[in-house]
């Protein structure tokens, strides 16, 4: 979506600030042309915000899955360690 710049209004403001009519129009056109190519609109920012929210939700889900996986892994290790200790105790005279 393109950004709209009031080039005429800008030119008038530049003229009031002391620039000649040609200078004011030239600067206003340059700003208008540059702004339409480089500035983000509110819609652009909203789209970006939605993409960030989606990505953060995915990251939160990934962290939750990793946490669950680690808990299962540690629980398995603890059970195996307990079994090993019991086996060693039984082997001792």
C-alpha atoms as a PDB file:
ATOM      1  CA  UNK A   1       0.000   0.000   0.000  1.00  0.00           C
ATOM      2  CA  UNK A   2       1.418   3.374  -0.985  1.00  0.00           C
ATOM      3  CA  UNK A   3       1.883   6.285   1.355  1.00  0.00           C
ATOM      4  CA  UNK A   4       0.189   9.481   0.227  1.00  0.00           C
ATOM      5  CA  UNK A   5       2.015  12.734   0.788  1.00  0.00           C
ATOM      6  CA  UNK A   6       0.422  16.142   0.320  1.00  0.00           C
ATOM      7  CA  UNK A   7       3.125  17.489  -2.008  1.00  0.00           C
ATOM      8  CA  UNK A   8       1.318  20.772  -2.567  1.00  0.00           C
ATOM      9  CA  UNK A   9       0.950  21.332   1.159  1.00  0.00           C
ATOM     10  CA  UNK A  10       4.619  20.537   1.671  1.00  0.00           C
ATOM     11  CA  UNK A  11       5.615  22.919  -1.125  1.00  0.00           C
ATOM     12  CA  UNK A  12       3.541  25.682   0.465  1.00  0.00           C
ATOM     13  CA  UNK A  13       5.199  25.038   3.832  1.00  0.00           C
ATOM     14  CA  UNK A  14       8.640  25.182   2.218  1.00  0.00           C
ATOM     15  CA  UNK A  15       7.745  28.447   0.486  1.00  0.00           C
ATOM     16  CA  UNK A  16       6.598  29.935   3.794  1.00  0.00           C
ATOM     17  CA  UNK A  17       9.935  28.876   5.264  1.00  0.00           C
ATOM     18  CA  UNK A  18      11.766  30.913   2.625  1.00  0.00           C
ATOM     19  CA  UNK A  19      12.455  28.540  -0.249  1.00  0.00           C
ATOM     20  CA  UNK A  20      11.734  29.578  -3.823  1.00  0.00           C
ATOM     21  CA  UNK A  21       8.696  28.076  -5.555  1.00  0.00           C
ATOM     22  CA  UNK A  22      10.890  25.792  -7.714  1.00  0.00           C
ATOM     23  CA  UNK A  23      12.928  24.638  -4.713  1.00  0.00           C
ATOM     24  CA  UNK A  24       9.796  24.026  -2.664  1.00  0.00           C
ATOM     25  CA  UNK A  25       8.117  22.025  -5.433  1.00  0.00           C
ATOM     26  CA  UNK A  26      11.275  20.026  -6.096  1.00  0.00           C
ATOM     27  CA  UNK A  27      11.736  19.098  -2.451  1.00  0.00           C
ATOM     28  CA  UNK A  28       8.054  18.250  -2.034  1.00  0.00           C
ATOM     29  CA  UNK A  29       8.116  15.978  -5.113  1.00  0.00           C
ATOM     30  CA  UNK A  30      11.296  14.279  -3.898  1.00  0.00           C
ATOM     31  CA  UNK A  31       9.753  13.636  -0.483  1.00  0.00           C
ATOM     32  CA  UNK A  32       6.519  12.385  -2.063  1.00  0.00           C
ATOM     33  CA  UNK A  33       8.371  10.005  -4.403  1.00  0.00           C
ATOM     34  CA  UNK A  34      10.708   8.723  -1.725  1.00  0.00           C
ATOM     35  CA  UNK A  35       7.943   8.329   0.865  1.00  0.00           C
ATOM     36  CA  UNK A  36       5.752   6.254  -1.442  1.00  0.00           C
ATOM     37  CA  UNK A  37       8.616   3.787  -1.897  1.00  0.00           C
ATOM     38  CA  UNK A  38      10.055   3.562   1.599  1.00  0.00           C
ATOM     39  CA  UNK A  39       7.566   4.481   4.312  1.00  0.00           C
ATOM     40  CA  UNK A  40       5.294   1.956   5.956  1.00  0.00           C
ATOM     41  CA  UNK A  41       1.572   2.570   6.210  1.00  0.00           C
ATOM     42  CA  UNK A  42      -0.607   1.717   9.183  1.00  0.00           C
ATOM     43  CA  UNK A  43      -1.807  -1.320   7.227  1.00  0.00           C
ATOM     44  CA  UNK A  44       1.814  -2.402   6.657  1.00  0.00           C
ATOM     45  CA  UNK A  45       2.528  -2.081  10.366  1.00  0.00           C
ATOM     46  CA  UNK A  46      -0.626  -3.988  11.316  1.00  0.00           C
ATOM     47  CA  UNK A  47       0.306  -6.809   8.929  1.00  0.00           C
ATOM     48  CA  UNK A  48       3.790  -6.914  10.457  1.00  0.00           C
ATOM     49  CA  UNK A  49       2.304  -6.950  13.957  1.00  0.00           C
ATOM     50  CA  UNK A  50       0.062  -9.896  13.051  1.00  0.00           C
ATOM     51  CA  UNK A  51       3.031 -11.804  11.623  1.00  0.00           C
ATOM     52  CA  UNK A  52       5.003 -11.150  14.822  1.00  0.00           C
ATOM     53  CA  UNK A  53       2.104 -12.301  16.999  1.00  0.00           C
ATOM     54  CA  UNK A  54       1.838 -15.500  14.962  1.00  0.00           C
ATOM     55  CA  UNK A  55       5.580 -16.115  15.206  1.00  0.00           C
ATOM     56  CA  UNK A  56       5.628 -15.504  18.962  1.00  0.00           C
ATOM     57  CA  UNK A  57       2.720 -17.919  19.407  1.00  0.00           C
ATOM     58  CA  UNK A  58       4.688 -20.544  17.457  1.00  0.00           C
ATOM     59  CA  UNK A  59       7.754 -19.930  19.619  1.00  0.00           C
ATOM     60  CA  UNK A  60       5.709 -20.265  22.804  1.00  0.00           C
ATOM     61  CA  UNK A  61       4.328 -23.564  21.535  1.00  0.00           C
ATOM     62  CA  UNK A  62       7.834 -24.777  20.655  1.00  0.00           C
ATOM     63  CA  UNK A  63       9.088 -23.878  24.138  1.00  0.00           C
ATOM     64  CA  UNK A  64       6.177 -25.704  25.760  1.00  0.00           C
ATOM     65  CA  UNK A  65       6.877 -28.804  23.656  1.00  0.00           C
ATOM     66  CA  UNK A  66      10.578 -28.650  24.504  1.00  0.00           C
ATOM     67  CA  UNK A  67       9.759 -28.331  28.192  1.00  0.00           C
ATOM     68  CA  UNK A  68       7.458 -31.368  28.045  1.00  0.00           C
ATOM     69  CA  UNK A  69      10.115 -33.343  26.215  1.00  0.00           C
ATOM     70  CA  UNK A  70      12.780 -32.439  28.774  1.00  0.00           C
ATOM     71  CA  UNK A  71      10.511 -33.412  31.678  1.00  0.00           C
ATOM     72  CA  UNK A  72       9.868 -36.808  30.074  1.00  0.00           C
ATOM     73  CA  UNK A  73      13.581 -37.291  29.412  1.00  0.00           C
ATOM     74  CA  UNK A  74      14.601 -36.364  32.954  1.00  0.00           C
ATOM     75  CA  UNK A  75      11.866 -38.585  34.410  1.00  0.00           C
ATOM     76  CA  UNK A  76      13.143 -41.514  32.354  1.00  0.00           C
ATOM     77  CA  UNK A  77      16.713 -40.881  33.504  1.00  0.00           C
ATOM     78  CA  UNK A  78      15.613 -40.702  37.138  1.00  0.00           C
ATOM     79  CA  UNK A  79      13.713 -44.006  36.843  1.00  0.00           C
ATOM     80  CA  UNK A  80      16.699 -45.654  35.161  1.00  0.00           C
ATOM     81  CA  UNK A  81      19.018 -44.284  37.834  1.00  0.00           C
ATOM     82  CA  UNK A  82      16.731 -45.553  40.586  1.00  0.00           C
ATOM     83  CA  UNK A  83      16.593 -48.995  38.953  1.00  0.00           C
ATOM     84  CA  UNK A  84      20.381 -49.049  38.663  1.00  0.00           C
ATOM     85  CA  UNK A  85      20.764 -48.164  42.367  1.00  0.00           C
ATOM     86  CA  UNK A  86      18.302 -50.895  43.393  1.00  0.00           C
ATOM     87  CA  UNK A  87      20.148 -53.434  41.186  1.00  0.00           C
ATOM     88  CA  UNK A  88      23.511 -52.462  42.697  1.00  0.00           C
ATOM     89  CA  UNK A  89      22.126 -52.728  46.241  1.00  0.00           C
ATOM     90  CA  UNK A  90      20.810 -56.221  45.500  1.00  0.00           C
ATOM     91  CA  UNK A  91      24.179 -57.276  44.087  1.00  0.00           C
ATOM     92  CA  UNK A  92      26.047 -56.208  47.200  1.00  0.00           C
ATOM     93  CA  UNK A  93      26.453 -58.856  49.898  1.00  0.00           C
END
